[in-house]
Amino acid sequence: MNNMNSMMKQAQKLQKKMLKMQEELATKTVEATAGGGMVKVIANGSQKIEAITLEREVVDPEDIEMLQDLILAATNDALNKSQEMVSAHMGKLTGGMNLPGMM
């Protein structure tokens, strides 16, 4: 029974650390670009897009599809980088255990 209490305390401690880490990661950002830097997307550790920046030269009313593709590519890259950042930080905390629901 004592062993079970100890495990529960450790689990609660880990949960608190993970919540703190998630709060910290929400303030960290990653940046991705497409089109040679013409489109820039910034995402945070909460998997939210914080900013999209477009250079004037990339905006061509005659070729909206290209702009859409560049935005999509940069956004997906930013979200992938954000997920990698979260996984790397959480991995340090959990020792490589893959915990469902914790990214």
PDB file of N, CA and C in Angstrom:
ATOM      1  N   MET A   1       0.827  -1.193   0.000  1.00  0.00           N
ATOM      2  CA  MET A   1       0.000   0.000   0.000  1.00  0.00           C
ATOM      3  C   MET A   1       0.871   1.256   0.000  1.00  0.00           C
ATOM      4  N   ASN A   2       1.969   1.177   0.789  1.00  0.00           N
ATOM      5  CA  ASN A   2       2.897   2.307   0.853  1.00  0.00           C
ATOM      6  C   ASN A   2       3.521   2.578  -0.513  1.00  0.00           C
ATOM      7  N   ASN A   3       3.803   1.484  -1.244  1.00  0.00           N
ATOM      8  CA  ASN A   3       4.380   1.603  -2.574  1.00  0.00           C
ATOM      9  C   ASN A   3       3.398   2.301  -3.533  1.00  0.00           C
ATOM     10  N   MET A   4       2.127   1.987  -3.390  1.00  0.00           N
ATOM     11  CA  MET A   4       1.093   2.605  -4.232  1.00  0.00           C
ATOM     12  C   MET A   4       1.007   4.103  -3.956  1.00  0.00           C
ATOM     13  N   ASN A   5       1.063   4.489  -2.698  1.00  0.00           N
ATOM     14  CA  ASN A   5       1.035   5.918  -2.347  1.00  0.00           C
ATOM     15  C   ASN A   5       2.238   6.642  -2.937  1.00  0.00           C
ATOM     16  N   SER A   6       3.374   6.013  -2.865  1.00  0.00           N
ATOM     17  CA  SER A   6       4.591   6.607  -3.420  1.00  0.00           C
ATOM     18  C   SER A   6       4.451   6.801  -4.933  1.00  0.00           C
ATOM     19  N   MET A   7       3.893   5.795  -5.615  1.00  0.00           N
ATOM     20  CA  MET A   7       3.710   5.895  -7.070  1.00  0.00           C
ATOM     21  C   MET A   7       2.720   7.005  -7.403  1.00  0.00           C
ATOM     22  N   MET A   8       1.666   7.130  -6.609  1.00  0.00           N
ATOM     23  CA  MET A   8       0.673   8.179  -6.856  1.00  0.00           C
ATOM     24  C   MET A   8       1.294   9.564  -6.679  1.00  0.00           C
ATOM     25  N   LYS A   9       2.127   9.713  -5.663  1.00  0.00           N
ATOM     26  CA  LYS A   9       2.794  11.000  -5.443  1.00  0.00           C
ATOM     27  C   LYS A   9       3.728  11.328  -6.606  1.00  0.00           C
ATOM     28  N   GLN A  10       4.451  10.314  -7.087  1.00  0.00           N
ATOM     29  CA  GLN A  10       5.353  10.533  -8.220  1.00  0.00           C
ATOM     30  C   GLN A  10       4.553  10.926  -9.468  1.00  0.00           C
ATOM     31  N   ALA A  11       3.421  10.263  -9.681  1.00  0.00           N
ATOM     32  CA  ALA A  11       2.586  10.576 -10.847  1.00  0.00           C
ATOM     33  C   ALA A  11       2.051  12.006 -10.750  1.00  0.00           C
ATOM     34  N   GLN A  12       1.640  12.417  -9.559  1.00  0.00           N
ATOM     35  CA  GLN A  12       1.145  13.784  -9.376  1.00  0.00           C
ATOM     36  C   GLN A  12       2.251  14.803  -9.611  1.00  0.00           C
ATOM     37  N   LYS A  13       3.459  14.477  -9.131  1.00  0.00           N
ATOM     38  CA  LYS A  13       4.603  15.368  -9.334  1.00  0.00           C
ATOM     39  C   LYS A  13       4.900  15.513 -10.826  1.00  0.00           C
ATOM     40  N   LEU A  14       4.886  14.387 -11.537  1.00  0.00           N
ATOM     41  CA  LEU A  14       5.136  14.401 -12.984  1.00  0.00           C
ATOM     42  C   LEU A  14       4.064  15.209 -13.703  1.00  0.00           C
ATOM     43  N   GLN A  15       2.825  15.047 -13.288  1.00  0.00           N
ATOM     44  CA  GLN A  15       1.724  15.779 -13.912  1.00  0.00           C
ATOM     45  C   GLN A  15       1.909  17.287 -13.725  1.00  0.00           C
ATOM     46  N   LYS A  16       2.316  17.709 -12.530  1.00  0.00           N
ATOM     47  CA  LYS A  16       2.551  19.139 -12.284  1.00  0.00           C
ATOM     48  C   LYS A  16       3.687  19.664 -13.158  1.00  0.00           C
ATOM     49  N   LYS A  17       4.745  18.869 -13.259  1.00  0.00           N
ATOM     50  CA  LYS A  17       5.881  19.284 -14.101  1.00  0.00           C
ATOM     51  C   LYS A  17       5.453  19.407 -15.560  1.00  0.00           C
ATOM     52  N   MET A  18       4.619  18.467 -16.009  1.00  0.00           N
ATOM     53  CA  MET A  18       4.172  18.504 -17.403  1.00  0.00           C
ATOM     54  C   MET A  18       3.279  19.724 -17.659  1.00  0.00           C
ATOM     55  N   LEU A  19       2.428  20.048 -16.736  1.00  0.00           N
ATOM     56  CA  LEU A  19       1.581  21.234 -16.899  1.00  0.00           C
ATOM     57  C   LEU A  19       2.425  22.498 -16.962  1.00  0.00           C
ATOM     58  N   LYS A  20       3.434  22.561 -16.093  1.00  0.00           N
ATOM     59  CA  LYS A  20       4.332  23.719 -16.097  1.00  0.00           C
ATOM     60  C   LYS A  20       5.079  23.803 -17.428  1.00  0.00           C
ATOM     61  N   MET A  21       5.533  22.648 -17.908  1.00  0.00           N
ATOM     62  CA  MET A  21       6.254  22.598 -19.178  1.00  0.00           C
ATOM     63  C   MET A  21       5.345  23.048 -20.326  1.00  0.00           C
ATOM     64  N   GLN A  22       4.086  22.627 -20.313  1.00  0.00           N
ATOM     65  CA  GLN A  22       3.153  23.039 -21.363  1.00  0.00           C
ATOM     66  C   GLN A  22       2.944  24.555 -21.338  1.00  0.00           C
ATOM     67  N   GLU A  23       2.881  25.128 -20.142  1.00  0.00           N
ATOM     68  CA  GLU A  23       2.732  26.581 -20.037  1.00  0.00           C
ATOM     69  C   GLU A  23       3.961  27.288 -20.601  1.00  0.00           C
ATOM     70  N   GLU A  24       5.142  26.737 -20.289  1.00  0.00           N
ATOM     71  CA  GLU A  24       6.379  27.338 -20.800  1.00  0.00           C
ATOM     72  C   GLU A  24       6.453  27.219 -22.324  1.00  0.00           C
ATOM     73  N   LEU A  25       6.064  26.052 -22.838  1.00  0.00           N
ATOM     74  CA  LEU A  25       6.127  25.835 -24.288  1.00  0.00           C
ATOM     75  C   LEU A  25       5.154  26.741 -25.039  1.00  0.00           C
ATOM     76  N   ALA A  26       4.062  27.100 -24.392  1.00  0.00           N
ATOM     77  CA  ALA A  26       3.092  27.990 -25.040  1.00  0.00           C
ATOM     78  C   ALA A  26       3.698  29.362 -25.320  1.00  0.00           C
ATOM     79  N   THR A  27       4.752  29.707 -24.590  1.00  0.00           N
ATOM     80  CA  THR A  27       5.399  31.008 -24.794  1.00  0.00           C
ATOM     81  C   THR A  27       6.561  30.924 -25.778  1.00  0.00           C
ATOM     82  N   LYS A  28       6.968  29.698 -26.127  1.00  0.00           N
ATOM     83  CA  LYS A  28       8.075  29.528 -27.077  1.00  0.00           C
ATOM     84  C   LYS A  28       7.516  29.454 -28.492  1.00  0.00           C
ATOM     85  N   THR A  29       8.300  29.946 -29.443  1.00  0.00           N
ATOM     86  CA  THR A  29       7.830  29.950 -30.832  1.00  0.00           C
ATOM     87  C   THR A  29       8.844  29.301 -31.757  1.00  0.00           C
ATOM     88  N   VAL A  30       8.339  28.864 -32.889  1.00  0.00           N
ATOM     89  CA  VAL A  30       9.181  28.357 -33.971  1.00  0.00           C
ATOM     90  C   VAL A  30       8.767  29.095 -35.238  1.00  0.00           C
ATOM     91  N   GLU A  31       9.700  29.164 -36.179  1.00  0.00           N
ATOM     92  CA  GLU A  31       9.437  29.888 -37.416  1.00  0.00           C
ATOM     93  C   GLU A  31       9.691  28.984 -38.608  1.00  0.00           C
ATOM     94  N   ALA A  32       8.834  29.088 -39.605  1.00  0.00           N
ATOM     95  CA  ALA A  32       9.030  28.340 -40.846  1.00  0.00           C
ATOM     96  C   ALA A  32       8.806  29.293 -42.011  1.00  0.00           C
ATOM     97  N   THR A  33       9.513  29.044 -43.094  1.00  0.00           N
ATOM     98  CA  THR A  33       9.355  29.890 -44.270  1.00  0.00           C
ATOM     99  C   THR A  33       9.120  29.028 -45.500  1.00  0.00           C
ATOM    100  N   ALA A  34       8.582  29.663 -46.526  1.00  0.00           N
ATOM    101  CA  ALA A  34       8.391  29.009 -47.828  1.00  0.00           C
ATOM    102  C   ALA A  34       8.644  30.057 -48.902  1.00  0.00           C
ATOM    103  N   GLY A  35       8.928  29.563 -50.084  1.00  0.00           N
ATOM    104  CA  GLY A  35       9.161  30.478 -51.202  1.00  0.00           C
ATOM    105  C   GLY A  35      10.409  31.324 -51.014  1.00  0.00           C
ATOM    106  N   GLY A  36      11.441  30.715 -50.461  1.00  0.00           N
ATOM    107  CA  GLY A  36      12.692  31.454 -50.248  1.00  0.00           C
ATOM    108  C   GLY A  36      12.551  32.576 -49.238  1.00  0.00           C
ATOM    109  N   GLY A  37      11.670  32.392 -48.272  1.00  0.00           N
ATOM    110  CA  GLY A  37      11.493  33.394 -47.223  1.00  0.00           C
ATOM    111  C   GLY A  37      10.411  34.410 -47.533  1.00  0.00           C
ATOM    112  N   MET A  38       9.719  34.238 -48.649  1.00  0.00           N
ATOM    113  CA  MET A  38       8.662  35.191 -49.011  1.00  0.00           C
ATOM    114  C   MET A  38       7.437  35.069 -48.107  1.00  0.00           C
ATOM    115  N   VAL A  39       7.242  33.854 -47.575  1.00  0.00           N
ATOM    116  CA  VAL A  39       6.144  33.605 -46.640  1.00  0.00           C
ATOM    117  C   VAL A  39       6.750  33.076 -45.351  1.00  0.00           C
ATOM    118  N   LYS A  40       6.392  33.720 -44.249  1.00  0.00           N
ATOM    119  CA  LYS A  40       6.934  33.310 -42.940  1.00  0.00           C
ATOM    120  C   LYS A  40       5.759  33.066 -41.995  1.00  0.00           C
ATOM    121  N   VAL A  41       5.825  31.931 -41.285  1.00  0.00           N
ATOM    122  CA  VAL A  41       4.781  31.582 -40.316  1.00  0.00           C
ATOM    123  C   VAL A  41       5.451  31.299 -38.984  1.00  0.00           C
ATOM    124  N   ILE A  42       4.870  31.861 -37.932  1.00  0.00           N
ATOM    125  CA  ILE A  42       5.363  31.630 -36.577  1.00  0.00           C
ATOM    126  C   ILE A  42       4.280  30.903 -35.800  1.00  0.00           C
ATOM    127  N   ALA A  43       4.662  29.776 -35.184  1.00  0.00           N
ATOM    128  CA  ALA A  43       3.737  28.990 -34.357  1.00  0.00           C
ATOM    129  C   ALA A  43       4.318  28.872 -32.958  1.00  0.00           C
ATOM    130  N   ASN A  44       3.435  28.677 -31.970  1.00  0.00           N
ATOM    131  CA  ASN A  44       3.943  28.502 -30.601  1.00  0.00           C
ATOM    132  C   ASN A  44       3.852  27.030 -30.188  1.00  0.00           C
ATOM    133  N   GLY A  45       4.292  26.751 -28.992  1.00  0.00           N
ATOM    134  CA  GLY A  45       4.313  25.380 -28.487  1.00  0.00           C
ATOM    135  C   GLY A  45       2.944  24.823 -28.158  1.00  0.00           C
ATOM    136  N   SER A  46       1.910  25.634 -28.284  1.00  0.00           N
ATOM    137  CA  SER A  46       0.530  25.164 -28.113  1.00  0.00           C
ATOM    138  C   SER A  46      -0.101  24.833 -29.451  1.00  0.00           C
ATOM    139  N   GLN A  47       0.729  24.758 -30.483  1.00  0.00           N
ATOM    140  CA  GLN A  47       0.280  24.424 -31.838  1.00  0.00           C
ATOM    141  C   GLN A  47      -0.662  25.485 -32.401  1.00  0.00           C
ATOM    142  N   LYS A  48      -0.429  26.724 -32.024  1.00  0.00           N
ATOM    143  CA  LYS A  48      -1.236  27.821 -32.560  1.00  0.00           C
ATOM    144  C   LYS A  48      -0.358  28.727 -33.405  1.00  0.00           C
ATOM    145  N   ILE A  49      -0.941  29.221 -34.492  1.00  0.00           N
ATOM    146  CA  ILE A  49      -0.225  30.147 -35.371  1.00  0.00           C
ATOM    147  C   ILE A  49      -0.282  31.525 -34.744  1.00  0.00           C
ATOM    148  N   GLU A  50       0.883  32.141 -34.551  1.00  0.00           N
ATOM    149  CA  GLU A  50       0.930  33.474 -33.947  1.00  0.00           C
ATOM    150  C   GLU A  50       1.040  34.573 -34.987  1.00  0.00           C
ATOM    151  N   ALA A  51       1.683  34.264 -36.123  1.00  0.00           N
ATOM    152  CA  ALA A  51       1.850  35.310 -37.139  1.00  0.00           C
ATOM    153  C   ALA A  51       2.107  34.693 -38.503  1.00  0.00           C
ATOM    154  N   ILE A  52       1.635  35.395 -39.510  1.00  0.00           N
ATOM    155  CA  ILE A  52       1.950  35.062 -40.906  1.00  0.00           C
ATOM    156  C   ILE A  52       2.400  36.358 -41.556  1.00  0.00           C
ATOM    157  N   THR A  53       3.588  36.309 -42.167  1.00  0.00           N
ATOM    158  CA  THR A  53       4.134  37.489 -42.823  1.00  0.00           C
ATOM    159  C   THR A  53       4.364  37.172 -44.302  1.00  0.00           C
ATOM    160  N   LEU A  54       3.873  38.061 -45.146  1.00  0.00           N
ATOM    161  CA  LEU A  54       4.040  37.894 -46.593  1.00  0.00           C
ATOM    162  C   LEU A  54       4.854  39.067 -47.144  1.00  0.00           C
ATOM    163  N   GLU A  55       5.828  38.759 -47.976  1.00  0.00           N
ATOM    164  CA  GLU A  55       6.559  39.825 -48.670  1.00  0.00           C
ATOM    165  C   GLU A  55       5.674  40.321 -49.816  1.00  0.00           C
ATOM    166  N   ARG A  56       5.739  41.589 -50.100  1.00  0.00           N
ATOM    167  CA  ARG A  56       4.892  42.181 -51.140  1.00  0.00           C
ATOM    168  C   ARG A  56       5.053  41.475 -52.494  1.00  0.00           C
ATOM    169  N   GLU A  57       6.289  41.077 -52.796  1.00  0.00           N
ATOM    170  CA  GLU A  57       6.561  40.487 -54.116  1.00  0.00           C
ATOM    171  C   GLU A  57       5.813  39.174 -54.345  1.00  0.00           C
ATOM    172  N   VAL A  58       5.448  38.486 -53.263  1.00  0.00           N
ATOM    173  CA  VAL A  58       4.805  37.180 -53.422  1.00  0.00           C
ATOM    174  C   VAL A  58       3.301  37.304 -53.671  1.00  0.00           C
ATOM    175  N   VAL A  59       2.766  38.486 -53.451  1.00  0.00           N
ATOM    176  CA  VAL A  59       1.330  38.684 -53.630  1.00  0.00           C
ATOM    177  C   VAL A  59       1.054  39.073 -55.086  1.00  0.00           C
ATOM    178  N   ASP A  60       0.557  38.101 -55.824  1.00  0.00           N
ATOM    179  CA  ASP A  60       0.229  38.304 -57.235  1.00  0.00           C
ATOM    180  C   ASP A  60      -1.238  37.933 -57.432  1.00  0.00           C
ATOM    181  N   PRO A  61      -2.102  38.930 -57.685  1.00  0.00           N
ATOM    182  CA  PRO A  61      -3.527  38.636 -57.845  1.00  0.00           C
ATOM    183  C   PRO A  61      -3.821  37.647 -58.972  1.00  0.00           C
ATOM    184  N   GLU A  62      -2.880  37.517 -59.888  1.00  0.00           N
ATOM    185  CA  GLU A  62      -3.068  36.585 -61.009  1.00  0.00           C
ATOM    186  C   GLU A  62      -2.666  35.155 -60.643  1.00  0.00           C
ATOM    187  N   ASP A  63      -2.022  34.982 -59.478  1.00  0.00           N
ATOM    188  CA  ASP A  63      -1.551  33.646 -59.101  1.00  0.00           C
ATOM    189  C   ASP A  63      -1.801  33.398 -57.599  1.00  0.00           C
ATOM    190  N   ILE A  64      -3.044  33.426 -57.241  1.00  0.00           N
ATOM    191  CA  ILE A  64      -3.436  33.207 -55.849  1.00  0.00           C
ATOM    192  C   ILE A  64      -3.101  31.784 -55.388  1.00  0.00           C
ATOM    193  N   GLU A  65      -3.192  30.822 -56.303  1.00  0.00           N
ATOM    194  CA  GLU A  65      -2.931  29.427 -55.937  1.00  0.00           C
ATOM    195  C   GLU A  65      -1.513  29.239 -55.416  1.00  0.00           C
ATOM    196  N   MET A  66      -0.540  29.919 -56.046  1.00  0.00           N
ATOM    197  CA  MET A  66       0.835  29.794 -55.579  1.00  0.00           C
ATOM    198  C   MET A  66       0.965  30.340 -54.153  1.00  0.00           C
ATOM    199  N   LEU A  67       0.344  31.475 -53.903  1.00  0.00           N
ATOM    200  CA  LEU A  67       0.391  32.058 -52.559  1.00  0.00           C
ATOM    201  C   LEU A  67      -0.259  31.123 -51.546  1.00  0.00           C
ATOM    202  N   GLN A  68      -1.381  30.540 -51.904  1.00  0.00           N
ATOM    203  CA  GLN A  68      -2.038  29.589 -51.012  1.00  0.00           C
ATOM    204  C   GLN A  68      -1.136  28.400 -50.711  1.00  0.00           C
ATOM    205  N   ASP A  69      -0.470  27.886 -51.742  1.00  0.00           N
ATOM    206  CA  ASP A  69       0.443  26.747 -51.550  1.00  0.00           C
ATOM    207  C   ASP A  69       1.601  27.110 -50.628  1.00  0.00           C
ATOM    208  N   LEU A  70       2.152  28.318 -50.804  1.00  0.00           N
ATOM    209  CA  LEU A  70       3.273  28.741 -49.967  1.00  0.00           C
ATOM    210  C   LEU A  70       2.842  28.905 -48.510  1.00  0.00           C
ATOM    211  N   ILE A  71       1.676  29.490 -48.303  1.00  0.00           N
ATOM    212  CA  ILE A  71       1.160  29.658 -46.936  1.00  0.00           C
ATOM    213  C   ILE A  71       0.911  28.291 -46.296  1.00  0.00           C
ATOM    214  N   LEU A  72       0.330  27.397 -47.065  1.00  0.00           N
ATOM    215  CA  LEU A  72       0.052  26.054 -46.563  1.00  0.00           C
ATOM    216  C   LEU A  72       1.351  25.330 -46.195  1.00  0.00           C
ATOM    217  N   ALA A  73       2.350  25.415 -47.068  1.00  0.00           N
ATOM    218  CA  ALA A  73       3.628  24.743 -46.806  1.00  0.00           C
ATOM    219  C   ALA A  73       4.302  25.322 -45.564  1.00  0.00           C
ATOM    220  N   ALA A  74       4.348  26.631 -45.449  1.00  0.00           N
ATOM    221  CA  ALA A  74       4.989  27.261 -44.295  1.00  0.00           C
ATOM    222  C   ALA A  74       4.227  26.952 -43.004  1.00  0.00           C
ATOM    223  N   THR A  75       2.907  26.937 -43.084  1.00  0.00           N
ATOM    224  CA  THR A  75       2.091  26.639 -41.898  1.00  0.00           C
ATOM    225  C   THR A  75       2.313  25.207 -41.438  1.00  0.00           C
ATOM    226  N   ASN A  76       2.269  24.274 -42.370  1.00  0.00           N
ATOM    227  CA  ASN A  76       2.503  22.872 -41.993  1.00  0.00           C
ATOM    228  C   ASN A  76       3.900  22.676 -41.427  1.00  0.00           C
ATOM    229  N   ASP A  77       4.891  23.332 -42.009  1.00  0.00           N
ATOM    230  CA  ASP A  77       6.261  23.223 -41.504  1.00  0.00           C
ATOM    231  C   ASP A  77       6.374  23.810 -40.100  1.00  0.00           C
ATOM    232  N   ALA A  78       5.720  24.944 -39.876  1.00  0.00           N
ATOM    233  CA  ALA A  78       5.759  25.566 -38.541  1.00  0.00           C
ATOM    234  C   ALA A  78       5.093  24.666 -37.502  1.00  0.00           C
ATOM    235  N   LEU A  79       3.969  24.070 -37.855  1.00  0.00           N
ATOM    236  CA  LEU A  79       3.290  23.175 -36.915  1.00  0.00           C
ATOM    237  C   LEU A  79       4.113  21.916 -36.648  1.00  0.00           C
ATOM    238  N   ASN A  80       4.780  21.383 -37.677  1.00  0.00           N
ATOM    239  CA  ASN A  80       5.658  20.230 -37.473  1.00  0.00           C
ATOM    240  C   ASN A  80       6.815  20.582 -36.547  1.00  0.00           C
ATOM    241  N   LYS A  81       7.414  21.752 -36.766  1.00  0.00           N
ATOM    242  CA  LYS A  81       8.514  22.189 -35.900  1.00  0.00           C
ATOM    243  C   LYS A  81       8.028  22.384 -34.464  1.00  0.00           C
ATOM    244  N   SER A  82       6.829  22.907 -34.325  1.00  0.00           N
ATOM    245  CA  SER A  82       6.270  23.102 -32.991  1.00  0.00           C
ATOM    246  C   SER A  82       6.071  21.761 -32.290  1.00  0.00           C
ATOM    247  N   GLN A  83       5.538  20.786 -33.019  1.00  0.00           N
ATOM    248  CA  GLN A  83       5.330  19.457 -32.440  1.00  0.00           C
ATOM    249  C   GLN A  83       6.654  18.810 -32.058  1.00  0.00           C
ATOM    250  N   GLU A  84       7.678  18.992 -32.894  1.00  0.00           N
ATOM    251  CA  GLU A  84       8.998  18.442 -32.585  1.00  0.00           C
ATOM    252  C   GLU A  84       9.562  19.095 -31.330  1.00  0.00           C
ATOM    253  N   MET A  85       9.380  20.409 -31.205  1.00  0.00           N
ATOM    254  CA  MET A  85       9.858  21.129 -30.030  1.00  0.00           C
ATOM    255  C   MET A  85       9.166  20.585 -28.771  1.00  0.00           C
ATOM    256  N   VAL A  86       7.867  20.408 -28.839  1.00  0.00           N
ATOM    257  CA  VAL A  86       7.106  19.912 -27.688  1.00  0.00           C
ATOM    258  C   VAL A  86       7.552  18.485 -27.346  1.00  0.00           C
ATOM    259  N   SER A  87       7.690  17.638 -28.365  1.00  0.00           N
ATOM    260  CA  SER A  87       8.102  16.249 -28.127  1.00  0.00           C
ATOM    261  C   SER A  87       9.480  16.186 -27.482  1.00  0.00           C
ATOM    262  N   ALA A  88      10.394  17.025 -27.961  1.00  0.00           N
ATOM    263  CA  ALA A  88      11.746  17.027 -27.402  1.00  0.00           C
ATOM    264  C   ALA A  88      11.730  17.440 -25.931  1.00  0.00           C
ATOM    265  N   HIS A  89      10.965  18.469 -25.605  1.00  0.00           N
ATOM    266  CA  HIS A  89      10.908  18.929 -24.216  1.00  0.00           C
ATOM    267  C   HIS A  89      10.179  17.930 -23.321  1.00  0.00           C
ATOM    268  N   MET A  90       9.074  17.390 -23.809  1.00  0.00           N
ATOM    269  CA  MET A  90       8.320  16.416 -23.009  1.00  0.00           C
ATOM    270  C   MET A  90       9.108  15.121 -22.854  1.00  0.00           C
ATOM    271  N   GLY A  91       9.856  14.757 -23.875  1.00  0.00           N
ATOM    272  CA  GLY A  91      10.674  13.549 -23.806  1.00  0.00           C
ATOM    273  C   GLY A  91      11.700  13.618 -22.701  1.00  0.00           C
ATOM    274  N   LYS A  92      12.259  14.811 -22.484  1.00  0.00           N
ATOM    275  CA  LYS A  92      13.229  14.989 -21.399  1.00  0.00           C
ATOM    276  C   LYS A  92      12.545  14.760 -20.052  1.00  0.00           C
ATOM    277  N   LEU A  93      11.314  15.204 -19.955  1.00  0.00           N
ATOM    278  CA  LEU A  93      10.571  15.107 -18.699  1.00  0.00           C
ATOM    279  C   LEU A  93      10.105  13.681 -18.419  1.00  0.00           C
ATOM    280  N   THR A  94       9.655  12.993 -19.465  1.00  0.00           N
ATOM    281  CA  THR A  94       9.082  11.666 -19.268  1.00  0.00           C
ATOM    282  C   THR A  94      10.082  10.547 -19.516  1.00  0.00           C
ATOM    283  N   GLY A  95      11.290  10.899 -19.872  1.00  0.00           N
ATOM    284  CA  GLY A  95      12.300   9.875 -20.119  1.00  0.00           C
ATOM    285  C   GLY A  95      12.001   9.042 -21.348  1.00  0.00           C
ATOM    286  N   GLY A  96      11.318   9.631 -22.319  1.00  0.00           N
ATOM    287  CA  GLY A  96      11.042   8.947 -23.567  1.00  0.00           C
ATOM    288  C   GLY A  96       9.731   8.194 -23.590  1.00  0.00           C
ATOM    289  N   MET A  97       9.000   8.169 -22.462  1.00  0.00           N
ATOM    290  CA  MET A  97       7.698   7.491 -22.463  1.00  0.00           C
ATOM    291  C   MET A  97       6.742   8.294 -23.325  1.00  0.00           C
ATOM    292  N   ASN A  98       5.961   7.604 -24.122  1.00  0.00           N
ATOM    293  CA  ASN A  98       4.956   8.257 -24.950  1.00  0.00           C
ATOM    294  C   ASN A  98       3.646   8.241 -24.185  1.00  0.00           C
ATOM    295  N   LEU A  99       3.284   9.383 -23.601  1.00  0.00           N
ATOM    296  CA  LEU A  99       2.076   9.451 -22.804  1.00  0.00           C
ATOM    297  C   LEU A  99       0.938  10.001 -23.650  1.00  0.00           C
ATOM    298  N   PRO A 100      -0.137   9.241 -23.790  1.00  0.00           N
ATOM    299  CA  PRO A 100      -1.261   9.705 -24.603  1.00  0.00           C
ATOM    300  C   PRO A 100      -1.831  11.016 -24.073  1.00  0.00           C
ATOM    301  N   GLY A 101      -2.183  11.886 -24.994  1.00  0.00           N
ATOM    302  CA  GLY A 101      -2.798  13.154 -24.618  1.00  0.00           C
ATOM    303  C   GLY A 101      -1.814  14.221 -24.190  1.00  0.00           C
ATOM    304  N   MET A 102      -0.528  13.904 -24.202  1.00  0.00           N
ATOM    305  CA  MET A 102       0.472  14.883 -23.774  1.00  0.00           C
ATOM    306  C   MET A 102       1.338  15.314 -24.939  1.00  0.00           C
ATOM    307  N   MET A 103       0.841  15.156 -26.164  1.00  0.00           N
ATOM    308  CA  MET A 103       1.473  15.558 -27.405  1.00  0.00           C
ATOM    309  C   MET A 103       2.482  14.567 -27.846  1.00  0.00           C
TER     310      MET A 103
END
